[in-house]
Amino acid sequence: MGQRRAPARTAITQGRPAPRIYHLRQPNVARMYDYLLGGKNHILVDREAVQEAIRRVPNLRLMARENRRFLKRAVRYAQNLGVQQFVDIGAGFPTRDNTHEVVQQRDPSARVVYVDNDPVVVAHGRALLAENADTAVVQADLRDPDAVIGHPGLSAMIDWTKPVGVILVAVLHFIPDSEDPHGIVTRFRSVMAPGSCLVLSHAKRNAETTHAAEVWQQANAPGVPRTVKDIARFFSGFQLVHPGLVPVSKWRHDSQRAQQIPFLGGVGLKHPEASHG
């Protein structure tokens, strides 16, 4: 679920982000990602933008698919630790191997809340998941973490006093530095109970991703690839579990031949002995 272009201010310190105006003539990052994953929720302007990006970065579709596979492995790892509730922020349109499908296959009672700021994405998700009592979709903006944390629809499903998996997969690189993305993650960490997990992936800055980001500049949420050091900072206050921050294709992958791609992922554990906050 793609986050959108933000005004130049910090959501945490200066109030909630301004409402967005949605344009069908502008590429939409949620629809573009859906197209990369082989979904059906996209229009011509999105496909044209993705095709241009693929011309510049031929393995872009592989990056998206490996990122989704990383999500699947990471949430199963969190389940192995006993996490039974998940908040997937900026998850986009439902495609395949969605978080609720992965975790509820193993534990039908596991709870999942999807969060997105795109009303079309939210409406689509709610219609699709109407019959699933343990899954909800709420409209809120990652740039306003307090609004996410305190959303009534989320609070009805998620108990922050118990371990929770907070999923920020392929979304923080749509939050510019002016919106304090590291502060946003810190705010979520402050309410996560000991034993909780942060599942995070992010585009690594290099020639490839910088080239692709030029296409995203025309979309509703320009991409901001970051350095390894800057991505690692998101895990401040968490114990980064083995194998650490690595290309998503190599995170606990059972094949030694997994292709190296400039998309980094990791899982951070809020240590059981840590104080709450």
C-alpha atoms as a PDB file:
ATOM      1  CA  MET A   1       0.000   0.000   0.000  1.00  0.00           C
ATOM      2  CA  GLY A   2       1.783   3.103  -1.157  1.00  0.00           C
ATOM      3  CA  GLN A   3       2.219   6.212   0.916  1.00  0.00           C
ATOM      4  CA  ARG A   4       1.892   9.541  -0.854  1.00  0.00           C
ATOM      5  CA  ARG A   5       3.800  12.731  -1.373  1.00  0.00           C
ATOM      6  CA  ALA A   6       3.983  14.729   1.822  1.00  0.00           C
ATOM      7  CA  PRO A   7       4.118  18.456   2.498  1.00  0.00           C
ATOM      8  CA  ALA A   8       7.498  19.626   3.744  1.00  0.00           C
ATOM      9  CA  ARG A   9       6.886  19.300   7.502  1.00  0.00           C
ATOM     10  CA  THR A  10       7.228  16.727  10.227  1.00  0.00           C
ATOM     11  CA  ALA A  11       3.987  14.928  10.993  1.00  0.00           C
ATOM     12  CA  ILE A  12       5.020  14.043  14.542  1.00  0.00           C
ATOM     13  CA  THR A  13       5.694  17.613  15.636  1.00  0.00           C
ATOM     14  CA  GLN A  14       3.357  19.657  13.451  1.00  0.00           C
ATOM     15  CA  GLY A  15       0.054  17.810  13.400  1.00  0.00           C
ATOM     16  CA  ARG A  16      -1.550  15.450  10.971  1.00  0.00           C
ATOM     17  CA  PRO A  17      -0.602  15.365   7.283  1.00  0.00           C
ATOM     18  CA  ALA A  18      -2.771  17.401   4.972  1.00  0.00           C
ATOM     19  CA  PRO A  19      -5.495  15.560   3.014  1.00  0.00           C
ATOM     20  CA  ARG A  20      -4.459  14.266  -0.393  1.00  0.00           C
ATOM     21  CA  ILE A  21      -5.967  14.864  -3.786  1.00  0.00           C
ATOM     22  CA  TYR A  22      -5.950  11.727  -5.953  1.00  0.00           C
ATOM     23  CA  HIS A  23      -5.342  11.975  -9.694  1.00  0.00           C
ATOM     24  CA  LEU A  24      -6.077   9.220 -12.182  1.00  0.00           C
ATOM     25  CA  ARG A  25      -3.666  10.821 -14.654  1.00  0.00           C
ATOM     26  CA  GLN A  26      -0.742  10.427 -12.280  1.00  0.00           C
ATOM     27  CA  PRO A  27       1.014   7.115 -11.634  1.00  0.00           C
ATOM     28  CA  ASN A  28       0.099   5.710  -8.226  1.00  0.00           C
ATOM     29  CA  VAL A  29       2.728   3.768  -6.275  1.00  0.00           C
ATOM     30  CA  ALA A  30       0.193   1.285  -4.886  1.00  0.00           C
ATOM     31  CA  ARG A  31      -1.111   0.488  -8.360  1.00  0.00           C
ATOM     32  CA  MET A  32       2.425   0.395  -9.784  1.00  0.00           C
ATOM     33  CA  TYR A  33       3.520  -2.113  -7.141  1.00  0.00           C
ATOM     34  CA  ASP A  34       0.405  -4.167  -7.835  1.00  0.00           C
ATOM     35  CA  TYR A  35       1.350  -4.268 -11.519  1.00  0.00           C
ATOM     36  CA  LEU A  36       4.912  -5.341 -10.676  1.00  0.00           C
ATOM     37  CA  LEU A  37       3.510  -8.221  -8.621  1.00  0.00           C
ATOM     38  CA  GLY A  38       1.160  -9.346 -11.374  1.00  0.00           C
ATOM     39  CA  GLY A  39      -2.034  -7.954  -9.838  1.00  0.00           C
ATOM     40  CA  LYS A  40      -5.056  -6.444 -11.568  1.00  0.00           C
ATOM     41  CA  ASN A  41      -5.490  -3.115  -9.779  1.00  0.00           C
ATOM     42  CA  HIS A  42      -3.729  -0.703 -12.121  1.00  0.00           C
ATOM     43  CA  ILE A  43      -4.446   1.541 -15.083  1.00  0.00           C
ATOM     44  CA  LEU A  44      -2.591   2.575 -18.219  1.00  0.00           C
ATOM     45  CA  VAL A  45      -0.638   5.430 -16.638  1.00  0.00           C
ATOM     46  CA  ASP A  46       0.716   3.049 -13.976  1.00  0.00           C
ATOM     47  CA  ARG A  47       1.713   0.397 -16.504  1.00  0.00           C
ATOM     48  CA  GLU A  48       3.475   2.954 -18.693  1.00  0.00           C
ATOM     49  CA  ALA A  49       5.458   4.254 -15.713  1.00  0.00           C
ATOM     50  CA  VAL A  50       6.469   0.749 -14.616  1.00  0.00           C
ATOM     51  CA  GLN A  51       7.447  -0.229 -18.146  1.00  0.00           C
ATOM     52  CA  GLU A  52       9.677   2.838 -18.349  1.00  0.00           C
ATOM     53  CA  ALA A  53      11.223   1.956 -14.997  1.00  0.00           C
ATOM     54  CA  ILE A  54      11.857  -1.616 -16.189  1.00  0.00           C
ATOM     55  CA  ARG A  55      13.588  -0.275 -19.285  1.00  0.00           C
ATOM     56  CA  ARG A  56      15.960   1.517 -16.949  1.00  0.00           C
ATOM     57  CA  VAL A  57      16.218  -1.302 -14.369  1.00  0.00           C
ATOM     58  CA  PRO A  58      15.435  -4.662 -16.015  1.00  0.00           C
ATOM     59  CA  ASN A  59      15.274  -6.637 -12.748  1.00  0.00           C
ATOM     60  CA  LEU A  60      12.733  -4.300 -11.120  1.00  0.00           C
ATOM     61  CA  ARG A  61       9.981  -6.909 -11.249  1.00  0.00           C
ATOM     62  CA  LEU A  62      12.334  -9.397  -9.567  1.00  0.00           C
ATOM     63  CA  MET A  63      12.946  -6.873  -6.780  1.00  0.00           C
ATOM     64  CA  ALA A  64       9.211  -6.596  -6.113  1.00  0.00           C
ATOM     65  CA  ARG A  65       8.711 -10.351  -6.091  1.00  0.00           C
ATOM     66  CA  GLU A  66      11.703 -11.021  -3.840  1.00  0.00           C
ATOM     67  CA  ASN A  67      10.432  -8.338  -1.495  1.00  0.00           C
ATOM     68  CA  ARG A  68       7.085 -10.147  -1.250  1.00  0.00           C
ATOM     69  CA  ARG A  69       8.868 -13.462  -0.587  1.00  0.00           C
ATOM     70  CA  PHE A  70      10.863 -11.776   2.172  1.00  0.00           C
ATOM     71  CA  LEU A  71       7.600 -10.612   3.761  1.00  0.00           C
ATOM     72  CA  LYS A  72       6.312 -14.168   3.759  1.00  0.00           C
ATOM     73  CA  ARG A  73       9.426 -15.592   5.427  1.00  0.00           C
ATOM     74  CA  ALA A  74       9.651 -12.755   7.942  1.00  0.00           C
ATOM     75  CA  VAL A  75       6.084 -12.986   9.243  1.00  0.00           C
ATOM     76  CA  ARG A  76       6.436 -16.739   9.610  1.00  0.00           C
ATOM     77  CA  TYR A  77       9.589 -16.137  11.618  1.00  0.00           C
ATOM     78  CA  ALA A  78       7.632 -13.752  13.857  1.00  0.00           C
ATOM     79  CA  GLN A  79       4.951 -16.401  14.304  1.00  0.00           C
ATOM     80  CA  ASN A  80       7.621 -18.881  15.379  1.00  0.00           C
ATOM     81  CA  LEU A  81       8.460 -16.422  18.162  1.00  0.00           C
ATOM     82  CA  GLY A  82       4.844 -16.421  19.315  1.00  0.00           C
ATOM     83  CA  VAL A  83       3.557 -13.252  17.635  1.00  0.00           C
ATOM     84  CA  GLN A  84      -0.156 -13.647  16.898  1.00  0.00           C
ATOM     85  CA  GLN A  85      -1.110 -10.144  15.755  1.00  0.00           C
ATOM     86  CA  PHE A  86       0.232  -8.032  12.919  1.00  0.00           C
ATOM     87  CA  VAL A  87      -0.098  -4.450  11.689  1.00  0.00           C
ATOM     88  CA  ASP A  88       0.840  -4.167   8.005  1.00  0.00           C
ATOM     89  CA  ILE A  89       1.312  -0.487   7.148  1.00  0.00           C
ATOM     90  CA  GLY A  90       1.295   0.696   3.544  1.00  0.00           C
ATOM     91  CA  ALA A  91       0.472  -2.798   2.293  1.00  0.00           C
ATOM     92  CA  GLY A  92      -1.162  -1.733  -0.996  1.00  0.00           C
ATOM     93  CA  PHE A  93      -3.702  -3.688  -2.993  1.00  0.00           C
ATOM     94  CA  PRO A  94      -4.159  -7.342  -2.031  1.00  0.00           C
ATOM     95  CA  THR A  95      -2.350  -9.523  -4.570  1.00  0.00           C
ATOM     96  CA  ARG A  96      -0.884 -12.880  -3.536  1.00  0.00           C
ATOM     97  CA  ASP A  97       0.758 -14.187  -0.359  1.00  0.00           C
ATOM     98  CA  ASN A  98      -0.734 -11.331   1.618  1.00  0.00           C
ATOM     99  CA  THR A  99       0.086 -11.133   5.317  1.00  0.00           C
ATOM    100  CA  HIS A 100      -3.266 -12.490   6.519  1.00  0.00           C
ATOM    101  CA  GLU A 101      -3.059 -15.418   4.094  1.00  0.00           C
ATOM    102  CA  VAL A 102       0.406 -16.360   5.298  1.00  0.00           C
ATOM    103  CA  VAL A 103      -0.205 -16.101   9.052  1.00  0.00           C
ATOM    104  CA  GLN A 104      -3.762 -17.460   9.110  1.00  0.00           C
ATOM    105  CA  GLN A 105      -2.717 -20.506   7.118  1.00  0.00           C
ATOM    106  CA  ARG A 106      -0.674 -21.487  10.141  1.00  0.00           C
ATOM    107  CA  ASP A 107      -2.901 -19.950  12.827  1.00  0.00           C
ATOM    108  CA  PRO A 108      -6.502 -19.207  11.758  1.00  0.00           C
ATOM    109  CA  SER A 109      -7.006 -17.050  14.864  1.00  0.00           C
ATOM    110  CA  ALA A 110      -4.071 -14.723  14.099  1.00  0.00           C
ATOM    111  CA  ARG A 111      -5.156 -11.112  13.711  1.00  0.00           C
ATOM    112  CA  VAL A 112      -4.037  -8.796  10.930  1.00  0.00           C
ATOM    113  CA  VAL A 113      -4.785  -5.119  10.394  1.00  0.00           C
ATOM    114  CA  TYR A 114      -3.838  -3.479   7.107  1.00  0.00           C
ATOM    115  CA  VAL A 115      -3.256   0.282   7.156  1.00  0.00           C
ATOM    116  CA  ASP A 116      -3.197   2.555   4.124  1.00  0.00           C
ATOM    117  CA  ASN A 117      -3.888   6.201   3.347  1.00  0.00           C
ATOM    118  CA  ASP A 118      -5.341   5.553  -0.117  1.00  0.00           C
ATOM    119  CA  PRO A 119      -9.160   5.420   0.090  1.00  0.00           C
ATOM    120  CA  VAL A 120      -9.402   3.288  -3.051  1.00  0.00           C
ATOM    121  CA  VAL A 121      -6.989   0.724  -1.631  1.00  0.00           C
ATOM    122  CA  VAL A 122      -8.873   0.700   1.679  1.00  0.00           C
ATOM    123  CA  ALA A 123     -12.277   0.279   0.026  1.00  0.00           C
ATOM    124  CA  HIS A 124     -10.982  -2.556  -2.145  1.00  0.00           C
ATOM    125  CA  GLY A 125      -9.395  -4.328   0.816  1.00  0.00           C
ATOM    126  CA  ARG A 126     -12.496  -4.017   2.968  1.00  0.00           C
ATOM    127  CA  ALA A 127     -14.697  -5.476   0.245  1.00  0.00           C
ATOM    128  CA  LEU A 128     -12.324  -8.389  -0.271  1.00  0.00           C
ATOM    129  CA  LEU A 129     -11.942  -9.154   3.439  1.00  0.00           C
ATOM    130  CA  ALA A 130     -15.520  -8.514   4.562  1.00  0.00           C
ATOM    131  CA  GLU A 131     -16.003 -12.148   5.611  1.00  0.00           C
ATOM    132  CA  ASN A 132     -12.731 -12.419   7.551  1.00  0.00           C
ATOM    133  CA  ALA A 133     -13.455 -11.535  11.185  1.00  0.00           C
ATOM    134  CA  ASP A 134      -9.774 -11.599  12.179  1.00  0.00           C
ATOM    135  CA  THR A 135      -8.594  -9.191   9.488  1.00  0.00           C
ATOM    136  CA  ALA A 136      -9.356  -5.482   9.148  1.00  0.00           C
ATOM    137  CA  VAL A 137      -8.403  -2.625   6.828  1.00  0.00           C
ATOM    138  CA  VAL A 138      -8.197   0.927   8.181  1.00  0.00           C
ATOM    139  CA  GLN A 139      -7.447   4.248   6.559  1.00  0.00           C
ATOM    140  CA  ALA A 140      -4.645   6.143   8.248  1.00  0.00           C
ATOM    141  CA  ASP A 141      -1.335   7.726   7.253  1.00  0.00           C
ATOM    142  CA  LEU A 142       2.048   6.340   8.248  1.00  0.00           C
ATOM    143  CA  ARG A 143       3.308   9.911   8.521  1.00  0.00           C
ATOM    144  CA  ASP A 144       0.964  10.340  11.500  1.00  0.00           C
ATOM    145  CA  PRO A 145       1.891   7.344  13.676  1.00  0.00           C
ATOM    146  CA  ASP A 146      -0.343   8.427  16.560  1.00  0.00           C
ATOM    147  CA  ALA A 147      -3.360   8.319  14.249  1.00  0.00           C
ATOM    148  CA  VAL A 148      -2.382   4.792  13.204  1.00  0.00           C
ATOM    149  CA  ILE A 149      -1.730   3.582  16.742  1.00  0.00           C
ATOM    150  CA  GLY A 150      -4.943   5.044  18.121  1.00  0.00           C
ATOM    151  CA  HIS A 151      -7.249   4.278  15.195  1.00  0.00           C
ATOM    152  CA  PRO A 152     -10.471   2.740  16.578  1.00  0.00           C
ATOM    153  CA  GLY A 153     -10.526   0.071  13.881  1.00  0.00           C
ATOM    154  CA  LEU A 154      -6.989  -0.966  14.761  1.00  0.00           C
ATOM    155  CA  SER A 155      -7.553  -0.778  18.513  1.00  0.00           C
ATOM    156  CA  ALA A 156     -10.491  -3.157  18.175  1.00  0.00           C
ATOM    157  CA  MET A 157      -8.152  -5.831  16.790  1.00  0.00           C
ATOM    158  CA  ILE A 158      -4.668  -5.141  18.185  1.00  0.00           C
ATOM    159  CA  ASP A 159      -3.546  -5.230  21.815  1.00  0.00           C
ATOM    160  CA  TRP A 160      -0.338  -3.194  22.047  1.00  0.00           C
ATOM    161  CA  THR A 161       0.397  -4.663  25.493  1.00  0.00           C
ATOM    162  CA  LYS A 162       1.092  -8.003  23.811  1.00  0.00           C
ATOM    163  CA  PRO A 163       3.719  -8.842  21.157  1.00  0.00           C
ATOM    164  CA  VAL A 164       2.826  -7.441  17.747  1.00  0.00           C
ATOM    165  CA  GLY A 165       4.473  -7.636  14.351  1.00  0.00           C
ATOM    166  CA  VAL A 166       4.735  -4.167  12.814  1.00  0.00           C
ATOM    167  CA  ILE A 167       5.322  -4.506   9.083  1.00  0.00           C
ATOM    168  CA  LEU A 168       6.934  -1.659   7.150  1.00  0.00           C
ATOM    169  CA  VAL A 169       7.811  -3.401   3.912  1.00  0.00           C
ATOM    170  CA  ALA A 170       8.734  -1.301   0.864  1.00  0.00           C
ATOM    171  CA  VAL A 171       7.063   1.800   2.270  1.00  0.00           C
ATOM    172  CA  LEU A 172       9.578   3.950   4.179  1.00  0.00           C
ATOM    173  CA  HIS A 173      11.414   4.829   0.982  1.00  0.00           C
ATOM    174  CA  PHE A 174       8.316   6.864   0.097  1.00  0.00           C
ATOM    175  CA  ILE A 175       8.759   9.022   3.211  1.00  0.00           C
ATOM    176  CA  PRO A 176      11.261  11.858   2.630  1.00  0.00           C
ATOM    177  CA  ASP A 177      13.732  12.890   5.313  1.00  0.00           C
ATOM    178  CA  SER A 178      11.699  16.057   5.906  1.00  0.00           C
ATOM    179  CA  GLU A 179       8.932  13.815   7.314  1.00  0.00           C
ATOM    180  CA  ASP A 180      11.326  12.221   9.848  1.00  0.00           C
ATOM    181  CA  PRO A 181      10.887   8.536   8.888  1.00  0.00           C
ATOM    182  CA  HIS A 182      13.253   7.419  11.665  1.00  0.00           C
ATOM    183  CA  GLY A 183      11.166   9.290  14.218  1.00  0.00           C
ATOM    184  CA  ILE A 184       8.061   7.562  12.886  1.00  0.00           C
ATOM    185  CA  VAL A 185       9.592   4.129  13.485  1.00  0.00           C
ATOM    186  CA  THR A 186      10.739   5.203  16.943  1.00  0.00           C
ATOM    187  CA  ARG A 187       7.153   6.152  17.801  1.00  0.00           C
ATOM    188  CA  PHE A 188       5.913   2.698  16.850  1.00  0.00           C
ATOM    189  CA  ARG A 189       8.706   1.097  18.850  1.00  0.00           C
ATOM    190  CA  SER A 190       7.630   3.059  21.925  1.00  0.00           C
ATOM    191  CA  VAL A 191       4.232   1.312  22.022  1.00  0.00           C
ATOM    192  CA  MET A 192       5.362  -2.161  20.970  1.00  0.00           C
ATOM    193  CA  ALA A 193       5.413  -4.676  23.821  1.00  0.00           C
ATOM    194  CA  PRO A 194       8.565  -6.683  24.578  1.00  0.00           C
ATOM    195  CA  GLY A 195       8.683  -9.674  22.258  1.00  0.00           C
ATOM    196  CA  SER A 196       7.338  -7.643  19.333  1.00  0.00           C
ATOM    197  CA  CYS A 197       8.941  -7.683  15.889  1.00  0.00           C
ATOM    198  CA  LEU A 198       9.659  -4.995  13.323  1.00  0.00           C
ATOM    199  CA  VAL A 199       9.626  -6.369   9.762  1.00  0.00           C
ATOM    200  CA  LEU A 200      11.178  -3.816   7.426  1.00  0.00           C
ATOM    201  CA  SER A 201      12.510  -3.583   3.892  1.00  0.00           C
ATOM    202  CA  HIS A 202      13.836  -0.589   1.993  1.00  0.00           C
ATOM    203  CA  ALA A 203      15.442   0.290  -1.336  1.00  0.00           C
ATOM    204  CA  LYS A 204      19.202   0.667  -1.042  1.00  0.00           C
ATOM    205  CA  ARG A 205      20.717   3.685  -2.760  1.00  0.00           C
ATOM    206  CA  ASN A 206      22.887   2.787  -5.740  1.00  0.00           C
ATOM    207  CA  ALA A 207      22.998   3.586  -9.455  1.00  0.00           C
ATOM    208  CA  GLU A 208      20.158   1.146 -10.179  1.00  0.00           C
ATOM    209  CA  THR A 209      17.669   2.371  -7.615  1.00  0.00           C
ATOM    210  CA  THR A 210      18.528   6.014  -8.228  1.00  0.00           C
ATOM    211  CA  HIS A 211      17.790   5.458 -11.910  1.00  0.00           C
ATOM    212  CA  ALA A 212      14.442   3.846 -11.091  1.00  0.00           C
ATOM    213  CA  ALA A 213      13.583   6.597  -8.609  1.00  0.00           C
ATOM    214  CA  GLU A 214      13.663   9.098 -11.469  1.00  0.00           C
ATOM    215  CA  VAL A 215      10.492   7.464 -12.827  1.00  0.00           C
ATOM    216  CA  TRP A 216       8.854   7.511  -9.396  1.00  0.00           C
ATOM    217  CA  GLN A 217       9.390  11.287  -9.297  1.00  0.00           C
ATOM    218  CA  GLN A 218       6.367  11.522 -11.594  1.00  0.00           C
ATOM    219  CA  ALA A 219       4.243   9.345  -9.305  1.00  0.00           C
ATOM    220  CA  ASN A 220       2.199  10.374  -6.304  1.00  0.00           C
ATOM    221  CA  ALA A 221       4.991   9.366  -3.898  1.00  0.00           C
ATOM    222  CA  PRO A 222       8.558   9.874  -5.151  1.00  0.00           C
ATOM    223  CA  GLY A 223      10.982   7.185  -4.023  1.00  0.00           C
ATOM    224  CA  VAL A 224      13.871   7.920  -1.663  1.00  0.00           C
ATOM    225  CA  PRO A 225      16.483   5.130  -1.733  1.00  0.00           C
ATOM    226  CA  ARG A 226      18.789   5.321   1.291  1.00  0.00           C
ATOM    227  CA  THR A 227      22.249   4.177   2.307  1.00  0.00           C
ATOM    228  CA  VAL A 228      22.829   0.989   4.284  1.00  0.00           C
ATOM    229  CA  LYS A 229      23.693   3.110   7.321  1.00  0.00           C
ATOM    230  CA  ASP A 230      20.450   5.084   7.099  1.00  0.00           C
ATOM    231  CA  ILE A 231      18.359   1.927   6.658  1.00  0.00           C
ATOM    232  CA  ALA A 232      20.096   0.276   9.623  1.00  0.00           C
ATOM    233  CA  ARG A 233      19.093   3.254  11.790  1.00  0.00           C
ATOM    234  CA  PHE A 234      15.462   2.171  11.531  1.00  0.00           C
ATOM    235  CA  PHE A 235      16.345  -0.779  13.764  1.00  0.00           C
ATOM    236  CA  SER A 236      17.674   1.424  16.554  1.00  0.00           C
ATOM    237  CA  GLY A 237      16.349   0.040  19.830  1.00  0.00           C
ATOM    238  CA  PHE A 238      15.666  -3.387  18.327  1.00  0.00           C
ATOM    239  CA  GLN A 239      17.800  -6.517  18.331  1.00  0.00           C
ATOM    240  CA  LEU A 240      18.456  -7.184  14.651  1.00  0.00           C
ATOM    241  CA  VAL A 241      18.079 -10.940  14.287  1.00  0.00           C
ATOM    242  CA  HIS A 242      20.322 -13.155  12.178  1.00  0.00           C
ATOM    243  CA  PRO A 243      21.313 -12.694   9.371  1.00  0.00           C
ATOM    244  CA  GLY A 244      20.935  -8.967  10.010  1.00  0.00           C
ATOM    245  CA  LEU A 245      20.194  -6.354   7.373  1.00  0.00           C
ATOM    246  CA  VAL A 246      20.750  -8.105   4.046  1.00  0.00           C
ATOM    247  CA  PRO A 247      19.300  -8.181   0.522  1.00  0.00           C
ATOM    248  CA  VAL A 248      15.718  -9.412   0.872  1.00  0.00           C
ATOM    249  CA  SER A 249      16.466 -12.287  -1.490  1.00  0.00           C
ATOM    250  CA  LYS A 250      19.038 -13.614   0.994  1.00  0.00           C
ATOM    251  CA  TRP A 251      17.152 -13.142   4.278  1.00  0.00           C
ATOM    252  CA  ARG A 252      16.776 -16.699   5.656  1.00  0.00           C
ATOM    253  CA  HIS A 253      16.566 -18.036   2.124  1.00  0.00           C
ATOM    254  CA  ASP A 254      17.153 -21.757   1.734  1.00  0.00           C
ATOM    255  CA  SER A 255      19.167 -21.310  -1.455  1.00  0.00           C
ATOM    256  CA  GLN A 256      22.750 -20.108  -1.575  1.00  0.00           C
ATOM    257  CA  ARG A 257      22.167 -18.980  -5.147  1.00  0.00           C
ATOM    258  CA  ALA A 258      19.626 -16.271  -4.305  1.00  0.00           C
ATOM    259  CA  GLN A 259      20.229 -13.268  -6.513  1.00  0.00           C
ATOM    260  CA  GLN A 260      21.680 -10.160  -4.892  1.00  0.00           C
ATOM    261  CA  ILE A 261      19.373  -7.173  -5.338  1.00  0.00           C
ATOM    262  CA  PRO A 262      19.515  -3.588  -3.979  1.00  0.00           C
ATOM    263  CA  PHE A 263      16.581  -4.062  -1.640  1.00  0.00           C
ATOM    264  CA  LEU A 264      17.497  -4.613   1.995  1.00  0.00           C
ATOM    265  CA  GLY A 265      15.384  -6.266   4.654  1.00  0.00           C
ATOM    266  CA  GLY A 266      15.590  -7.343   8.241  1.00  0.00           C
ATOM    267  CA  VAL A 267      13.634  -8.229  11.352  1.00  0.00           C
ATOM    268  CA  GLY A 268      14.144  -6.417  14.634  1.00  0.00           C
ATOM    269  CA  LEU A 269      13.104  -7.911  17.963  1.00  0.00           C
ATOM    270  CA  LYS A 270      12.088  -5.757  20.895  1.00  0.00           C
ATOM    271  CA  HIS A 271      13.903  -7.708  23.549  1.00  0.00           C
ATOM    272  CA  PRO A 272      11.651  -9.430  26.090  1.00  0.00           C
ATOM    273  CA  GLU A 273      13.661  -7.847  28.920  1.00  0.00           C
ATOM    274  CA  ALA A 274      13.339  -4.349  27.476  1.00  0.00           C
ATOM    275  CA  SER A 275      11.125  -1.846  29.235  1.00  0.00           C
ATOM    276  CA  HIS A 276       7.887  -0.944  27.469  1.00  0.00           C
ATOM    277  CA  GLY A 277       8.563   2.306  25.617  1.00  0.00           C
END
